[in-house]
Amino acid sequence: MCQAIPRPVLEVTHERARVVVDGAELWVDRRAVAELAVGDYVVVYAGAALEKMPEDEALEMIRFYEEFESMLAEGSERLFGANVP
């Protein structure tokens, strides 16, 4: 499932940006975001950077998703046991 989640920018070229996705580095199309620099956060969806996001908002959204994933894992463990992948 694709999610529009802010990602930190590691490198920028004319058409692409290298970002971090779940601990791995990934190149995405950045042509929709005119002004972009290393250290910025961009919302990435389906392999493309859609917009730049302020760092404080990006970090808040990342924390929300981390907490949400933790709650889902905890709920699955309660329902199905600890051995569910």
PDB file of N, CA and C in Angstrom:
ATOM      1  N   MET A   1       0.842  -1.175   0.000  1.00  0.00           N
ATOM      2  CA  MET A   1       0.000   0.000   0.000  1.00  0.00           C
ATOM      3  C   MET A   1       0.890   1.241   0.000  1.00  0.00           C
ATOM      4  N   CYS A   2       0.577   2.193  -0.843  1.00  0.00           N
ATOM      5  CA  CYS A   2       1.323   3.448  -0.894  1.00  0.00           C
ATOM      6  C   CYS A   2       0.732   4.430   0.107  1.00  0.00           C
ATOM      7  N   GLN A   3       1.608   5.136   0.788  1.00  0.00           N
ATOM      8  CA  GLN A   3       1.190   6.160   1.739  1.00  0.00           C
ATOM      9  C   GLN A   3       1.959   7.436   1.439  1.00  0.00           C
ATOM     10  N   ALA A   4       1.296   8.551   1.504  1.00  0.00           N
ATOM     11  CA  ALA A   4       1.956   9.846   1.326  1.00  0.00           C
ATOM     12  C   ALA A   4       2.548  10.264   2.667  1.00  0.00           C
ATOM     13  N   ILE A   5       3.817   9.946   2.850  1.00  0.00           N
ATOM     14  CA  ILE A   5       4.503  10.190   4.116  1.00  0.00           C
ATOM     15  C   ILE A   5       5.711  11.091   3.846  1.00  0.00           C
ATOM     16  N   PRO A   6       5.972  12.065   4.709  1.00  0.00           N
ATOM     17  CA  PRO A   6       7.145  12.919   4.508  1.00  0.00           C
ATOM     18  C   PRO A   6       8.438  12.116   4.661  1.00  0.00           C
ATOM     19  N   ARG A   7       9.378  12.431   3.786  1.00  0.00           N
ATOM     20  CA  ARG A   7      10.680  11.750   3.784  1.00  0.00           C
ATOM     21  C   ARG A   7      11.794  12.791   3.760  1.00  0.00           C
ATOM     22  N   PRO A   8      12.896  12.538   4.481  1.00  0.00           N
ATOM     23  CA  PRO A   8      14.020  13.473   4.452  1.00  0.00           C
ATOM     24  C   PRO A   8      14.805  13.344   3.145  1.00  0.00           C
ATOM     25  N   VAL A   9      15.240  14.489   2.627  1.00  0.00           N
ATOM     26  CA  VAL A   9      15.989  14.536   1.375  1.00  0.00           C
ATOM     27  C   VAL A   9      17.484  14.444   1.667  1.00  0.00           C
ATOM     28  N   LEU A  10      18.157  13.504   0.994  1.00  0.00           N
ATOM     29  CA  LEU A  10      19.598  13.296   1.168  1.00  0.00           C
ATOM     30  C   LEU A  10      20.423  13.896   0.037  1.00  0.00           C
ATOM     31  N   GLU A  11      19.841  13.946  -1.155  1.00  0.00           N
ATOM     32  CA  GLU A  11      20.568  14.422  -2.341  1.00  0.00           C
ATOM     33  C   GLU A  11      19.540  14.906  -3.352  1.00  0.00           C
ATOM     34  N   VAL A  12      19.930  15.934  -4.133  1.00  0.00           N
ATOM     35  CA  VAL A  12      19.012  16.510  -5.116  1.00  0.00           C
ATOM     36  C   VAL A  12      19.723  16.649  -6.455  1.00  0.00           C
ATOM     37  N   THR A  13      19.054  16.200  -7.519  1.00  0.00           N
ATOM     38  CA  THR A  13      19.519  16.467  -8.879  1.00  0.00           C
ATOM     39  C   THR A  13      18.425  17.267  -9.579  1.00  0.00           C
ATOM     40  N   HIS A  14      18.608  17.529 -10.854  1.00  0.00           N
ATOM     41  CA  HIS A  14      17.622  18.325 -11.600  1.00  0.00           C
ATOM     42  C   HIS A  14      16.240  17.682 -11.599  1.00  0.00           C
ATOM     43  N   GLU A  15      16.175  16.367 -11.752  1.00  0.00           N
ATOM     44  CA  GLU A  15      14.883  15.687 -11.857  1.00  0.00           C
ATOM     45  C   GLU A  15      14.563  14.740 -10.712  1.00  0.00           C
ATOM     46  N   ARG A  16      15.571  14.395  -9.892  1.00  0.00           N
ATOM     47  CA  ARG A  16      15.334  13.388  -8.856  1.00  0.00           C
ATOM     48  C   ARG A  16      15.848  13.853  -7.504  1.00  0.00           C
ATOM     49  N   ALA A  17      15.331  13.186  -6.465  1.00  0.00           N
ATOM     50  CA  ALA A  17      15.816  13.410  -5.107  1.00  0.00           C
ATOM     51  C   ALA A  17      16.001  12.048  -4.450  1.00  0.00           C
ATOM     52  N   ARG A  18      17.076  11.913  -3.694  1.00  0.00           N
ATOM     53  CA  ARG A  18      17.307  10.683  -2.936  1.00  0.00           C
ATOM     54  C   ARG A  18      16.768  10.907  -1.536  1.00  0.00           C
ATOM     55  N   VAL A  19      15.845  10.029  -1.107  1.00  0.00           N
ATOM     56  CA  VAL A  19      15.179  10.160   0.189  1.00  0.00           C
ATOM     57  C   VAL A  19      15.327   8.861   0.968  1.00  0.00           C
ATOM     58  N   VAL A  20      14.967   8.915   2.255  1.00  0.00           N
ATOM     59  CA  VAL A  20      14.990   7.727   3.104  1.00  0.00           C
ATOM     60  C   VAL A  20      13.558   7.219   3.249  1.00  0.00           C
ATOM     61  N   VAL A  21      13.359   5.934   2.912  1.00  0.00           N
ATOM     62  CA  VAL A  21      12.053   5.285   3.038  1.00  0.00           C
ATOM     63  C   VAL A  21      12.241   4.014   3.848  1.00  0.00           C
ATOM     64  N   ASP A  22      11.701   3.979   5.044  1.00  0.00           N
ATOM     65  CA  ASP A  22      11.801   2.808   5.921  1.00  0.00           C
ATOM     66  C   ASP A  22      13.242   2.324   6.084  1.00  0.00           C
ATOM     67  N   GLY A  23      14.151   3.271   6.254  1.00  0.00           N
ATOM     68  CA  GLY A  23      15.546   2.946   6.488  1.00  0.00           C
ATOM     69  C   GLY A  23      16.373   2.713   5.234  1.00  0.00           C
ATOM     70  N   ALA A  24      15.742   2.665   4.074  1.00  0.00           N
ATOM     71  CA  ALA A  24      16.456   2.456   2.810  1.00  0.00           C
ATOM     72  C   ALA A  24      16.440   3.753   1.990  1.00  0.00           C
ATOM     73  N   GLU A  25      17.483   3.947   1.196  1.00  0.00           N
ATOM     74  CA  GLU A  25      17.544   5.118   0.340  1.00  0.00           C
ATOM     75  C   GLU A  25      16.870   4.805  -0.993  1.00  0.00           C
ATOM     76  N   LEU A  26      16.103   5.779  -1.494  1.00  0.00           N
ATOM     77  CA  LEU A  26      15.325   5.588  -2.706  1.00  0.00           C
ATOM     78  C   LEU A  26      15.339   6.878  -3.518  1.00  0.00           C
ATOM     79  N   TRP A  27      15.507   6.756  -4.833  1.00  0.00           N
ATOM     80  CA  TRP A  27      15.412   7.912  -5.716  1.00  0.00           C
ATOM     81  C   TRP A  27      13.958   8.106  -6.122  1.00  0.00           C
ATOM     82  N   VAL A  28      13.473   9.346  -6.046  1.00  0.00           N
ATOM     83  CA  VAL A  28      12.114   9.672  -6.458  1.00  0.00           C
ATOM     84  C   VAL A  28      12.152  10.842  -7.436  1.00  0.00           C
ATOM     85  N   ASP A  29      11.111  10.945  -8.248  1.00  0.00           N
ATOM     86  CA  ASP A  29      10.957  12.073  -9.168  1.00  0.00           C
ATOM     87  C   ASP A  29      10.644  13.315  -8.348  1.00  0.00           C
ATOM     88  N   ARG A  30      11.396  14.410  -8.561  1.00  0.00           N
ATOM     89  CA  ARG A  30      11.188  15.609  -7.757  1.00  0.00           C
ATOM     90  C   ARG A  30      10.758  16.809  -8.599  1.00  0.00           C
ATOM     91  N   ARG A  31      10.384  16.576  -9.850  1.00  0.00           N
ATOM     92  CA  ARG A  31      10.060  17.695 -10.755  1.00  0.00           C
ATOM     93  C   ARG A  31       8.850  18.507 -10.303  1.00  0.00           C
ATOM     94  N   ALA A  32       7.975  17.964  -9.482  1.00  0.00           N
ATOM     95  CA  ALA A  32       6.808  18.715  -8.997  1.00  0.00           C
ATOM     96  C   ALA A  32       7.178  19.699  -7.887  1.00  0.00           C
ATOM     97  N   VAL A  33       8.388  19.581  -7.357  1.00  0.00           N
ATOM     98  CA  VAL A  33       8.841  20.449  -6.259  1.00  0.00           C
ATOM     99  C   VAL A  33      10.007  21.285  -6.774  1.00  0.00           C
ATOM    100  N   ALA A  34       9.721  22.540  -7.091  1.00  0.00           N
ATOM    101  CA  ALA A  34      10.715  23.392  -7.746  1.00  0.00           C
ATOM    102  C   ALA A  34      11.943  23.664  -6.871  1.00  0.00           C
ATOM    103  N   GLU A  35      11.733  24.109  -5.661  1.00  0.00           N
ATOM    104  CA  GLU A  35      12.846  24.463  -4.777  1.00  0.00           C
ATOM    105  C   GLU A  35      13.021  23.371  -3.739  1.00  0.00           C
ATOM    106  N   LEU A  36      14.141  22.678  -3.810  1.00  0.00           N
ATOM    107  CA  LEU A  36      14.376  21.551  -2.911  1.00  0.00           C
ATOM    108  C   LEU A  36      15.851  21.482  -2.577  1.00  0.00           C
ATOM    109  N   ALA A  37      16.153  21.229  -1.297  1.00  0.00           N
ATOM    110  CA  ALA A  37      17.540  21.159  -0.845  1.00  0.00           C
ATOM    111  C   ALA A  37      17.716  19.970   0.083  1.00  0.00           C
ATOM    112  N   VAL A  38      18.955  19.547   0.230  1.00  0.00           N
ATOM    113  CA  VAL A  38      19.295  18.493   1.177  1.00  0.00           C
ATOM    114  C   VAL A  38      18.844  18.938   2.563  1.00  0.00           C
ATOM    115  N   GLY A  39      18.184  18.018   3.280  1.00  0.00           N
ATOM    116  CA  GLY A  39      17.686  18.326   4.613  1.00  0.00           C
ATOM    117  C   GLY A  39      16.214  18.697   4.643  1.00  0.00           C
ATOM    118  N   ASP A  40      15.649  19.050   3.474  1.00  0.00           N
ATOM    119  CA  ASP A  40      14.212  19.318   3.403  1.00  0.00           C
ATOM    120  C   ASP A  40      13.441  18.020   3.582  1.00  0.00           C
ATOM    121  N   TYR A  41      12.158  18.150   3.845  1.00  0.00           N
ATOM    122  CA  TYR A  41      11.261  16.999   3.888  1.00  0.00           C
ATOM    123  C   TYR A  41      10.262  17.144   2.749  1.00  0.00           C
ATOM    124  N   VAL A  42      10.016  16.035   2.048  1.00  0.00           N
ATOM    125  CA  VAL A  42       9.036  16.035   0.966  1.00  0.00           C
ATOM    126  C   VAL A  42       8.025  14.923   1.200  1.00  0.00           C
ATOM    127  N   VAL A  43       6.793  15.181   0.779  1.00  0.00           N
ATOM    128  CA  VAL A  43       5.762  14.151   0.810  1.00  0.00           C
ATOM    129  C   VAL A  43       5.945  13.322  -0.447  1.00  0.00           C
ATOM    130  N   VAL A  44       6.146  12.016  -0.263  1.00  0.00           N
ATOM    131  CA  VAL A  44       6.397  11.110  -1.378  1.00  0.00           C
ATOM    132  C   VAL A  44       5.216  10.165  -1.531  1.00  0.00           C
ATOM    133  N   TYR A  45       4.764  10.022  -2.773  1.00  0.00           N
ATOM    134  CA  TYR A  45       3.687   9.081  -3.073  1.00  0.00           C
ATOM    135  C   TYR A  45       3.955   8.467  -4.435  1.00  0.00           C
ATOM    136  N   ALA A  46       3.932   7.148  -4.498  1.00  0.00           N
ATOM    137  CA  ALA A  46       4.081   6.409  -5.757  1.00  0.00           C
ATOM    138  C   ALA A  46       5.334   6.822  -6.526  1.00  0.00           C
ATOM    139  N   GLY A  47       6.435   6.994  -5.802  1.00  0.00           N
ATOM    140  CA  GLY A  47       7.715   7.272  -6.451  1.00  0.00           C
ATOM    141  C   GLY A  47       7.944   8.708  -6.861  1.00  0.00           C
ATOM    142  N   ALA A  48       7.102   9.623  -6.385  1.00  0.00           N
ATOM    143  CA  ALA A  48       7.264  11.029  -6.743  1.00  0.00           C
ATOM    144  C   ALA A  48       7.137  11.914  -5.508  1.00  0.00           C
ATOM    145  N   ALA A  49       7.972  12.939  -5.451  1.00  0.00           N
ATOM    146  CA  ALA A  49       7.852  13.954  -4.413  1.00  0.00           C
ATOM    147  C   ALA A  49       6.734  14.901  -4.835  1.00  0.00           C
ATOM    148  N   LEU A  50       5.723  15.045  -3.979  1.00  0.00           N
ATOM    149  CA  LEU A  50       4.557  15.859  -4.330  1.00  0.00           C
ATOM    150  C   LEU A  50       4.655  17.294  -3.834  1.00  0.00           C
ATOM    151  N   GLU A  51       5.199  17.457  -2.620  1.00  0.00           N
ATOM    152  CA  GLU A  51       5.326  18.796  -2.056  1.00  0.00           C
ATOM    153  C   GLU A  51       6.348  18.806  -0.936  1.00  0.00           C
ATOM    154  N   LYS A  52       6.903  19.986  -0.691  1.00  0.00           N
ATOM    155  CA  LYS A  52       7.814  20.165   0.430  1.00  0.00           C
ATOM    156  C   LYS A  52       6.978  20.426   1.678  1.00  0.00           C
ATOM    157  N   MET A  53       7.449  19.915   2.824  1.00  0.00           N
ATOM    158  CA  MET A  53       6.713  20.055   4.072  1.00  0.00           C
ATOM    159  C   MET A  53       7.646  20.662   5.124  1.00  0.00           C
ATOM    160  N   PRO A  54       7.129  21.582   5.952  1.00  0.00           N
ATOM    161  CA  PRO A  54       7.953  22.123   7.033  1.00  0.00           C
ATOM    162  C   PRO A  54       8.441  20.999   7.959  1.00  0.00           C
ATOM    163  N   GLU A  55       9.662  21.119   8.425  1.00  0.00           N
ATOM    164  CA  GLU A  55      10.276  20.055   9.225  1.00  0.00           C
ATOM    165  C   GLU A  55       9.457  19.698  10.453  1.00  0.00           C
ATOM    166  N   ASP A  56       8.943  20.699  11.184  1.00  0.00           N
ATOM    167  CA  ASP A  56       8.182  20.384  12.406  1.00  0.00           C
ATOM    168  C   ASP A  56       6.923  19.582  12.080  1.00  0.00           C
ATOM    169  N   GLU A  57       6.236  19.922  11.002  1.00  0.00           N
ATOM    170  CA  GLU A  57       5.048  19.160  10.598  1.00  0.00           C
ATOM    171  C   GLU A  57       5.423  17.754  10.134  1.00  0.00           C
ATOM    172  N   ALA A  58       6.530  17.652   9.390  1.00  0.00           N
ATOM    173  CA  ALA A  58       6.975  16.349   8.898  1.00  0.00           C
ATOM    174  C   ALA A  58       7.314  15.419  10.056  1.00  0.00           C
ATOM    175  N   LEU A  59       8.055  15.923  11.042  1.00  0.00           N
ATOM    176  CA  LEU A  59       8.436  15.095  12.179  1.00  0.00           C
ATOM    177  C   LEU A  59       7.228  14.686  13.008  1.00  0.00           C
ATOM    178  N   GLU A  60       6.248  15.592  13.133  1.00  0.00           N
ATOM    179  CA  GLU A  60       5.024  15.259  13.853  1.00  0.00           C
ATOM    180  C   GLU A  60       4.257  14.143  13.132  1.00  0.00           C
ATOM    181  N   MET A  61       4.177  14.227  11.807  1.00  0.00           N
ATOM    182  CA  MET A  61       3.470  13.203  11.039  1.00  0.00           C
ATOM    183  C   MET A  61       4.201  11.859  11.111  1.00  0.00           C
ATOM    184  N   ILE A  62       5.526  11.889  11.056  1.00  0.00           N
ATOM    185  CA  ILE A  62       6.314  10.653  11.153  1.00  0.00           C
ATOM    186  C   ILE A  62       6.092  10.002  12.509  1.00  0.00           C
ATOM    187  N   ARG A  63       6.096  10.797  13.579  1.00  0.00           N
ATOM    188  CA  ARG A  63       5.830  10.257  14.916  1.00  0.00           C
ATOM    189  C   ARG A  63       4.427   9.640  14.991  1.00  0.00           C
ATOM    190  N   PHE A  64       3.449  10.309  14.396  1.00  0.00           N
ATOM    191  CA  PHE A  64       2.089   9.778  14.388  1.00  0.00           C
ATOM    192  C   PHE A  64       2.052   8.401  13.727  1.00  0.00           C
ATOM    193  N   TYR A  65       2.663   8.274  12.542  1.00  0.00           N
ATOM    194  CA  TYR A  65       2.652   6.987  11.844  1.00  0.00           C
ATOM    195  C   TYR A  65       3.374   5.903  12.645  1.00  0.00           C
ATOM    196  N   GLU A  66       4.483   6.252  13.301  1.00  0.00           N
ATOM    197  CA  GLU A  66       5.199   5.278  14.131  1.00  0.00           C
ATOM    198  C   GLU A  66       4.323   4.792  15.286  1.00  0.00           C
ATOM    199  N   GLU A  67       3.635   5.723  15.944  1.00  0.00           N
ATOM    200  CA  GLU A  67       2.746   5.346  17.051  1.00  0.00           C
ATOM    201  C   GLU A  67       1.570   4.517  16.549  1.00  0.00           C
ATOM    202  N   PHE A  68       1.028   4.880  15.397  1.00  0.00           N
ATOM    203  CA  PHE A  68      -0.089   4.157  14.808  1.00  0.00           C
ATOM    204  C   PHE A  68       0.316   2.722  14.469  1.00  0.00           C
ATOM    205  N   GLU A  69       1.483   2.543  13.843  1.00  0.00           N
ATOM    206  CA  GLU A  69       1.970   1.206  13.512  1.00  0.00           C
ATOM    207  C   GLU A  69       2.185   0.378  14.768  1.00  0.00           C
ATOM    208  N   SER A  70       2.671   1.004  15.831  1.00  0.00           N
ATOM    209  CA  SER A  70       2.873   0.308  17.092  1.00  0.00           C
ATOM    210  C   SER A  70       1.544  -0.158  17.683  1.00  0.00           C
ATOM    211  N   MET A  71       0.525   0.703  17.614  1.00  0.00           N
ATOM    212  CA  MET A  71      -0.796   0.326  18.122  1.00  0.00           C
ATOM    213  C   MET A  71      -1.387  -0.827  17.307  1.00  0.00           C
ATOM    214  N   LEU A  72      -1.214  -0.791  15.991  1.00  0.00           N
ATOM    215  CA  LEU A  72      -1.714  -1.877  15.150  1.00  0.00           C
ATOM    216  C   LEU A  72      -1.027  -3.195  15.481  1.00  0.00           C
ATOM    217  N   ALA A  73       0.287  -3.154  15.667  1.00  0.00           N
ATOM    218  CA  ALA A  73       1.026  -4.367  16.007  1.00  0.00           C
ATOM    219  C   ALA A  73       0.569  -4.912  17.360  1.00  0.00           C
ATOM    220  N   GLU A  74       0.384  -4.024  18.313  1.00  0.00           N
ATOM    221  CA  GLU A  74      -0.074  -4.440  19.647  1.00  0.00           C
ATOM    222  C   GLU A  74      -1.469  -5.063  19.570  1.00  0.00           C
ATOM    223  N   GLY A  75      -2.351  -4.460  18.800  1.00  0.00           N
ATOM    224  CA  GLY A  75      -3.702  -4.997  18.645  1.00  0.00           C
ATOM    225  C   GLY A  75      -3.697  -6.350  17.968  1.00  0.00           C
ATOM    226  N   SER A  76      -2.850  -6.514  16.951  1.00  0.00           N
ATOM    227  CA  SER A  76      -2.745  -7.810  16.269  1.00  0.00           C
ATOM    228  C   SER A  76      -2.230  -8.881  17.220  1.00  0.00           C
ATOM    229  N   GLU A  77      -1.252  -8.503  18.043  1.00  0.00           N
ATOM    230  CA  GLU A  77      -0.702  -9.462  19.001  1.00  0.00           C
ATOM    231  C   GLU A  77      -1.768  -9.894  20.009  1.00  0.00           C
ATOM    232  N   ARG A  78      -2.567  -8.945  20.454  1.00  0.00           N
ATOM    233  CA  ARG A  78      -3.631  -9.282  21.404  1.00  0.00           C
ATOM    234  C   ARG A  78      -4.677 -10.203  20.777  1.00  0.00           C
ATOM    235  N   LEU A  79      -4.999  -9.944  19.522  1.00  0.00           N
ATOM    236  CA  LEU A  79      -6.037 -10.734  18.850  1.00  0.00           C
ATOM    237  C   LEU A  79      -5.556 -12.102  18.385  1.00  0.00           C
ATOM    238  N   PHE A  80      -4.331 -12.133  17.841  1.00  0.00           N
ATOM    239  CA  PHE A  80      -3.869 -13.347  17.152  1.00  0.00           C
ATOM    240  C   PHE A  80      -2.668 -14.015  17.803  1.00  0.00           C
ATOM    241  N   GLY A  81      -2.101 -13.420  18.821  1.00  0.00           N
ATOM    242  CA  GLY A  81      -0.931 -13.997  19.471  1.00  0.00           C
ATOM    243  C   GLY A  81       0.362 -13.364  18.997  1.00  0.00           C
ATOM    244  N   ALA A  82       1.436 -13.688  19.674  1.00  0.00           N
ATOM    245  CA  ALA A  82       2.722 -13.043  19.439  1.00  0.00           C
ATOM    246  C   ALA A  82       3.425 -13.521  18.175  1.00  0.00           C
ATOM    247  N   ASN A  83       3.017 -14.609  17.575  1.00  0.00           N
ATOM    248  CA  ASN A  83       3.737 -15.174  16.429  1.00  0.00           C
ATOM    249  C   ASN A  83       3.208 -14.692  15.074  1.00  0.00           C
ATOM    250  N   VAL A  84       2.435 -13.617  15.042  1.00  0.00           N
ATOM    251  CA  VAL A  84       1.914 -13.096  13.774  1.00  0.00           C
ATOM    252  C   VAL A  84       2.974 -12.201  13.151  1.00  0.00           C
ATOM    253  N   PRO A  85       3.321 -12.415  11.869  1.00  0.00           N
ATOM    254  CA  PRO A  85       4.352 -11.584  11.220  1.00  0.00           C
ATOM    255  C   PRO A  85       3.924 -10.155  11.028  1.00  0.00           C
TER     256      PRO A  85
END
